[in-house]
């Protein structure tokens, strides 16, 4: 199987190094990175990350697909949810949407170098 070469700066050798990875190895590296990244996130940061990602996803959908997603999620309760939303939009105590979510850039994560020992 063909491999791709990547240059990186090694903090161990204090110089640029070359690593060759096959497509399967790259896929495993991706999966391991995501697993460790998520595993090391605080619950509140993980929730914020998912909220930001889902909000971005919903904002990119065409309006009819947003409604379809909501119908599929709430099923028989969709009409009730729509009524609640209509009431909420007109209430005086609601926060604007952009104030309900802190920016993704503020999400902190803890990365542990010892994760590599698990390989």
N, C-alpha and C. Protein backbone atom coordinates (compact mmCIF):
# COMPACT_ATOMS: atom_id res chain seq x y z
N UNK A 1 0.85 -1.18 0.00
CA UNK A 1 0.00 0.00 0.00
C UNK A 1 0.89 1.24 0.00
N UNK A 2 0.51 2.22 -0.80
CA UNK A 2 1.29 3.46 -0.88
C UNK A 2 1.18 4.25 0.41
N UNK A 3 2.25 4.95 0.71
CA UNK A 3 2.24 5.81 1.90
C UNK A 3 2.53 7.24 1.48
N UNK A 4 2.14 8.16 2.36
CA UNK A 4 2.40 9.58 2.15
C UNK A 4 3.42 10.02 3.19
N UNK A 5 4.26 10.95 2.79
CA UNK A 5 5.29 11.47 3.69
C UNK A 5 4.86 12.82 4.25
N UNK A 6 5.12 12.99 5.53
CA UNK A 6 4.79 14.24 6.20
C UNK A 6 6.00 14.68 7.03
N UNK A 7 6.28 15.97 6.97
CA UNK A 7 7.37 16.52 7.76
C UNK A 7 6.77 17.22 8.97
N UNK A 8 7.38 17.02 10.12
CA UNK A 8 6.93 17.67 11.34
C UNK A 8 8.13 17.99 12.21
N UNK A 9 7.96 18.94 13.10
CA UNK A 9 9.02 19.28 14.03
C UNK A 9 8.88 18.40 15.26
N UNK A 10 9.91 17.63 15.57
CA UNK A 10 9.90 16.74 16.73
C UNK A 10 10.49 17.47 17.94
N UNK A 11 9.72 17.52 19.01
CA UNK A 11 10.22 18.10 20.26
C UNK A 11 11.17 17.14 20.97
N UNK A 12 11.16 15.89 20.58
CA UNK A 12 12.07 14.91 21.17
C UNK A 12 13.48 15.06 20.61
N UNK A 13 13.59 15.19 19.27
CA UNK A 13 14.90 15.30 18.63
C UNK A 13 15.31 16.74 18.36
N UNK A 14 14.35 17.66 18.54
CA UNK A 14 14.58 19.09 18.31
C UNK A 14 14.98 19.39 16.86
N UNK A 15 14.36 18.65 15.93
CA UNK A 15 14.61 18.90 14.52
C UNK A 15 13.42 18.40 13.70
N UNK A 16 13.40 18.78 12.43
CA UNK A 16 12.36 18.28 11.53
C UNK A 16 12.55 16.80 11.29
N UNK A 17 11.44 16.08 11.31
CA UNK A 17 11.46 14.64 11.07
C UNK A 17 10.47 14.31 9.96
N UNK A 18 10.64 13.13 9.39
CA UNK A 18 9.77 12.65 8.33
C UNK A 18 9.03 11.41 8.81
N UNK A 19 7.73 11.36 8.57
CA UNK A 19 6.95 10.19 8.92
C UNK A 19 6.20 9.75 7.67
N UNK A 20 6.18 8.45 7.41
CA UNK A 20 5.45 7.88 6.29
C UNK A 20 4.24 7.12 6.83
N UNK A 21 3.06 7.43 6.31
CA UNK A 21 1.83 6.79 6.77
C UNK A 21 1.00 6.32 5.59
N UNK A 22 0.49 5.11 5.70
CA UNK A 22 -0.44 4.60 4.68
C UNK A 22 -1.81 5.22 4.93
N UNK A 23 -2.73 5.04 4.01
CA UNK A 23 -4.09 5.56 4.18
C UNK A 23 -4.75 4.96 5.42
N UNK A 24 -4.55 3.66 5.66
CA UNK A 24 -5.10 3.01 6.85
C UNK A 24 -4.51 3.61 8.12
N UNK A 25 -3.21 3.86 8.12
CA UNK A 25 -2.57 4.46 9.29
C UNK A 25 -3.08 5.88 9.53
N UNK A 26 -3.27 6.64 8.45
CA UNK A 26 -3.83 7.99 8.58
C UNK A 26 -5.24 7.95 9.15
N UNK A 27 -6.03 6.99 8.70
CA UNK A 27 -7.38 6.85 9.22
C UNK A 27 -7.37 6.51 10.71
N UNK A 28 -6.47 5.62 11.11
CA UNK A 28 -6.33 5.28 12.52
C UNK A 28 -5.86 6.48 13.34
N UNK A 29 -4.93 7.26 12.77
CA UNK A 29 -4.45 8.47 13.44
C UNK A 29 -5.61 9.46 13.64
N UNK A 30 -6.42 9.64 12.61
CA UNK A 30 -7.59 10.53 12.71
C UNK A 30 -8.53 10.06 13.82
N UNK A 31 -8.86 8.77 13.80
CA UNK A 31 -9.79 8.23 14.78
C UNK A 31 -9.23 8.33 16.20
N UNK A 32 -7.94 8.04 16.36
CA UNK A 32 -7.31 8.11 17.68
C UNK A 32 -7.29 9.55 18.19
N UNK A 33 -6.98 10.49 17.29
CA UNK A 33 -6.97 11.91 17.65
C UNK A 33 -8.35 12.34 18.14
N UNK A 34 -9.39 12.03 17.38
CA UNK A 34 -10.75 12.42 17.76
C UNK A 34 -11.14 11.78 19.09
N UNK A 35 -10.84 10.50 19.24
CA UNK A 35 -11.16 9.79 20.49
C UNK A 35 -10.49 10.46 21.69
N UNK A 36 -9.20 10.74 21.59
CA UNK A 36 -8.46 11.36 22.70
C UNK A 36 -8.90 12.80 22.92
N UNK A 37 -9.09 13.53 21.86
CA UNK A 37 -9.50 14.94 21.95
C UNK A 37 -10.82 15.03 22.72
N UNK A 38 -11.79 14.22 22.33
CA UNK A 38 -13.11 14.24 22.97
C UNK A 38 -13.01 13.70 24.39
N UNK A 39 -12.24 12.64 24.59
CA UNK A 39 -12.09 12.04 25.91
C UNK A 39 -11.50 13.02 26.92
N UNK A 40 -10.65 13.91 26.46
CA UNK A 40 -9.98 14.85 27.36
C UNK A 40 -10.74 16.17 27.53
N UNK A 41 -11.89 16.29 26.92
CA UNK A 41 -12.68 17.51 27.07
C UNK A 41 -13.53 17.44 28.35
N UNK A 42 -13.66 18.56 29.00
CA UNK A 42 -14.59 18.64 30.14
C UNK A 42 -16.01 18.52 29.57
N UNK A 43 -16.92 18.00 30.36
CA UNK A 43 -18.29 17.79 29.90
C UNK A 43 -18.91 19.07 29.38
N UNK A 44 -18.72 20.18 30.09
CA UNK A 44 -19.32 21.44 29.65
C UNK A 44 -18.73 21.88 28.31
N UNK A 45 -17.44 21.64 28.09
CA UNK A 45 -16.82 21.99 26.82
C UNK A 45 -17.32 21.10 25.69
N UNK A 46 -17.51 19.83 26.00
CA UNK A 46 -18.03 18.89 25.01
C UNK A 46 -19.45 19.28 24.61
N UNK A 47 -20.27 19.61 25.59
CA UNK A 47 -21.64 20.05 25.31
C UNK A 47 -21.61 21.31 24.44
N UNK A 48 -20.75 22.26 24.79
CA UNK A 48 -20.66 23.51 24.01
C UNK A 48 -20.21 23.23 22.58
N UNK A 49 -19.26 22.33 22.42
CA UNK A 49 -18.75 21.97 21.09
C UNK A 49 -19.88 21.39 20.24
N UNK A 50 -20.63 20.47 20.81
CA UNK A 50 -21.73 19.84 20.08
C UNK A 50 -22.81 20.87 19.77
N UNK A 51 -23.12 21.74 20.72
CA UNK A 51 -24.12 22.78 20.48
C UNK A 51 -23.70 23.68 19.32
N UNK A 52 -22.45 24.12 19.35
CA UNK A 52 -21.95 24.99 18.27
C UNK A 52 -22.00 24.27 16.93
N UNK A 53 -21.57 23.01 16.92
CA UNK A 53 -21.54 22.24 15.68
C UNK A 53 -22.96 22.00 15.13
N UNK A 54 -23.88 21.65 16.02
CA UNK A 54 -25.25 21.41 15.56
C UNK A 54 -25.93 22.70 15.10
N UNK A 55 -25.66 23.80 15.81
CA UNK A 55 -26.24 25.08 15.39
C UNK A 55 -25.71 25.47 14.02
N UNK A 56 -24.41 25.29 13.81
CA UNK A 56 -23.81 25.59 12.50
C UNK A 56 -24.44 24.70 11.42
N UNK A 57 -24.63 23.43 11.73
CA UNK A 57 -25.26 22.49 10.79
C UNK A 57 -26.67 22.95 10.44
N UNK A 58 -27.44 23.31 11.46
CA UNK A 58 -28.83 23.73 11.22
C UNK A 58 -28.90 25.05 10.44
N UNK A 59 -27.95 25.94 10.68
CA UNK A 59 -27.92 27.22 9.97
C UNK A 59 -27.61 27.03 8.49
N UNK A 60 -26.88 25.98 8.15
CA UNK A 60 -26.51 25.73 6.76
C UNK A 60 -27.58 24.98 5.98
N UNK A 61 -28.54 24.38 6.67
CA UNK A 61 -29.61 23.65 5.99
C UNK A 61 -30.61 24.61 5.36
N UNK A 62 -31.17 24.23 4.21
CA UNK A 62 -32.29 25.01 3.67
C UNK A 62 -33.46 24.95 4.66
N UNK A 63 -34.28 25.97 4.66
CA UNK A 63 -35.38 26.07 5.62
C UNK A 63 -36.28 24.84 5.65
N UNK A 64 -36.61 24.32 4.48
CA UNK A 64 -37.50 23.16 4.44
C UNK A 64 -36.86 21.93 5.09
N UNK A 65 -35.53 21.80 5.00
CA UNK A 65 -34.85 20.68 5.65
C UNK A 65 -34.75 20.88 7.16
N UNK A 66 -34.67 22.14 7.62
CA UNK A 66 -34.70 22.41 9.06
C UNK A 66 -36.03 21.93 9.63
N UNK A 67 -37.11 22.31 8.95
CA UNK A 67 -38.44 21.90 9.42
C UNK A 67 -38.56 20.38 9.39
N UNK A 68 -38.06 19.74 8.34
CA UNK A 68 -38.11 18.28 8.24
C UNK A 68 -37.33 17.61 9.37
N UNK A 69 -36.12 18.13 9.66
CA UNK A 69 -35.33 17.60 10.78
C UNK A 69 -36.10 17.70 12.09
N UNK A 70 -36.74 18.85 12.30
CA UNK A 70 -37.48 19.08 13.55
C UNK A 70 -38.70 18.17 13.63
N UNK A 71 -39.40 17.99 12.52
CA UNK A 71 -40.55 17.08 12.49
C UNK A 71 -40.09 15.67 12.84
N UNK A 72 -38.99 15.23 12.25
CA UNK A 72 -38.47 13.89 12.53
C UNK A 72 -38.03 13.74 13.98
N UNK A 73 -37.50 14.81 14.56
CA UNK A 73 -37.03 14.73 15.95
C UNK A 73 -38.20 14.72 16.93
N UNK A 74 -39.14 15.67 16.77
CA UNK A 74 -40.22 15.80 17.74
C UNK A 74 -41.44 14.95 17.40
N UNK A 75 -41.50 14.46 16.18
CA UNK A 75 -42.57 13.56 15.76
C UNK A 75 -43.95 14.13 16.10
N UNK A 76 -44.71 13.46 16.95
CA UNK A 76 -46.08 13.89 17.28
C UNK A 76 -46.13 15.18 18.08
N UNK A 77 -45.01 15.62 18.64
CA UNK A 77 -44.99 16.83 19.47
C UNK A 77 -44.56 18.07 18.70
N UNK A 78 -44.33 17.94 17.40
CA UNK A 78 -43.85 19.06 16.60
C UNK A 78 -44.78 20.27 16.71
N UNK A 79 -46.08 20.05 16.61
CA UNK A 79 -47.03 21.17 16.67
C UNK A 79 -46.95 21.89 18.01
N UNK A 80 -46.78 21.14 19.09
CA UNK A 80 -46.65 21.76 20.41
C UNK A 80 -45.38 22.60 20.50
N UNK A 81 -44.31 22.09 19.95
CA UNK A 81 -43.04 22.81 19.97
C UNK A 81 -43.16 24.10 19.17
N UNK A 82 -43.81 24.06 18.04
CA UNK A 82 -43.99 25.26 17.22
C UNK A 82 -44.78 26.31 18.00
N UNK A 83 -45.81 25.89 18.70
CA UNK A 83 -46.60 26.82 19.52
C UNK A 83 -45.73 27.44 20.62
N UNK A 84 -44.92 26.62 21.27
CA UNK A 84 -44.02 27.14 22.31
C UNK A 84 -43.04 28.15 21.73
N UNK A 85 -42.49 27.85 20.57
CA UNK A 85 -41.53 28.74 19.92
C UNK A 85 -42.19 30.07 19.58
N UNK A 86 -43.39 30.01 19.05
CA UNK A 86 -44.11 31.25 18.70
C UNK A 86 -44.34 32.11 19.94
N UNK A 87 -44.68 31.50 21.05
CA UNK A 87 -44.87 32.25 22.29
C UNK A 87 -43.54 32.80 22.81
N UNK A 88 -42.51 31.97 22.74
CA UNK A 88 -41.20 32.37 23.26
C UNK A 88 -40.61 33.54 22.49
N UNK A 89 -40.76 33.53 21.18
CA UNK A 89 -40.19 34.58 20.35
C UNK A 89 -40.73 35.95 20.75
N UNK A 90 -41.97 36.01 21.19
CA UNK A 90 -42.61 37.28 21.55
C UNK A 90 -42.46 37.65 23.02
N UNK A 91 -41.86 36.80 23.83
CA UNK A 91 -41.76 37.11 25.26
C UNK A 91 -40.66 38.15 25.51
N UNK A 92 -40.75 38.83 26.64
CA UNK A 92 -39.83 39.91 26.95
C UNK A 92 -38.56 39.44 27.67
N UNK A 93 -38.51 38.23 28.18
CA UNK A 93 -37.37 37.76 28.98
C UNK A 93 -36.37 36.91 28.21
N UNK A 94 -36.60 36.63 26.94
CA UNK A 94 -35.70 35.74 26.21
C UNK A 94 -34.40 36.44 25.84
N UNK A 95 -33.33 35.65 25.79
CA UNK A 95 -32.04 36.14 25.33
C UNK A 95 -31.95 35.96 23.82
N UNK A 96 -31.25 36.86 23.13
CA UNK A 96 -31.01 36.63 21.70
C UNK A 96 -30.21 35.33 21.52
N UNK A 97 -30.43 34.66 20.41
CA UNK A 97 -29.76 33.38 20.15
C UNK A 97 -28.25 33.48 20.31
N UNK A 98 -27.65 34.53 19.76
CA UNK A 98 -26.19 34.65 19.81
C UNK A 98 -25.66 34.81 21.24
N UNK A 99 -26.48 35.23 22.17
CA UNK A 99 -26.04 35.35 23.57
C UNK A 99 -26.20 34.04 24.33
N UNK A 100 -26.94 33.10 23.80
CA UNK A 100 -27.15 31.82 24.49
C UNK A 100 -26.00 30.85 24.31
N UNK A 101 -25.15 31.12 23.34
CA UNK A 101 -24.03 30.22 23.05
C UNK A 101 -22.73 31.00 23.13
N UNK A 102 -21.79 30.52 23.97
CA UNK A 102 -20.49 31.18 23.98
C UNK A 102 -19.72 30.74 22.74
N UNK A 103 -18.84 31.59 22.23
CA UNK A 103 -18.10 31.23 21.00
C UNK A 103 -17.26 29.98 21.18
N UNK A 104 -17.12 29.22 20.11
CA UNK A 104 -16.33 27.98 20.13
C UNK A 104 -14.89 28.25 20.52
N UNK A 105 -14.35 29.41 20.18
CA UNK A 105 -12.96 29.72 20.48
C UNK A 105 -12.70 29.73 21.98
N UNK A 106 -13.74 29.93 22.79
CA UNK A 106 -13.57 29.98 24.24
C UNK A 106 -13.57 28.59 24.87
N UNK A 107 -13.86 27.55 24.10
CA UNK A 107 -13.90 26.20 24.65
C UNK A 107 -12.48 25.76 24.94
N UNK A 108 -12.26 25.29 26.15
CA UNK A 108 -10.91 24.85 26.52
C UNK A 108 -10.85 23.34 26.54
N UNK A 109 -9.70 22.81 26.20
CA UNK A 109 -9.49 21.37 26.25
C UNK A 109 -8.17 21.10 26.93
N UNK A 110 -8.03 19.91 27.45
CA UNK A 110 -6.79 19.48 28.08
C UNK A 110 -6.25 18.34 27.23
N UNK A 111 -5.02 18.49 26.78
CA UNK A 111 -4.40 17.43 25.98
C UNK A 111 -3.29 16.81 26.81
N UNK A 112 -3.25 15.53 26.79
CA UNK A 112 -2.24 14.81 27.57
C UNK A 112 -1.30 14.08 26.63
N UNK A 113 -0.02 14.39 26.72
CA UNK A 113 0.97 13.74 25.87
C UNK A 113 1.05 12.24 26.16
N UNK A 114 0.69 11.82 27.36
CA UNK A 114 0.81 10.41 27.71
C UNK A 114 -0.16 9.54 26.92
N UNK A 115 -1.11 10.15 26.19
CA UNK A 115 -2.02 9.37 25.35
C UNK A 115 -1.25 8.53 24.34
N UNK A 116 -0.13 9.03 23.91
CA UNK A 116 0.68 8.28 22.93
C UNK A 116 1.20 6.99 23.52
N UNK A 117 1.32 6.94 24.84
CA UNK A 117 1.76 5.70 25.49
C UNK A 117 0.76 4.58 25.32
N UNK A 118 -0.50 4.94 25.03
CA UNK A 118 -1.54 3.94 24.88
C UNK A 118 -1.47 3.19 23.55
N UNK A 119 -0.71 3.73 22.62
CA UNK A 119 -0.63 3.07 21.31
C UNK A 119 0.08 1.78 21.37
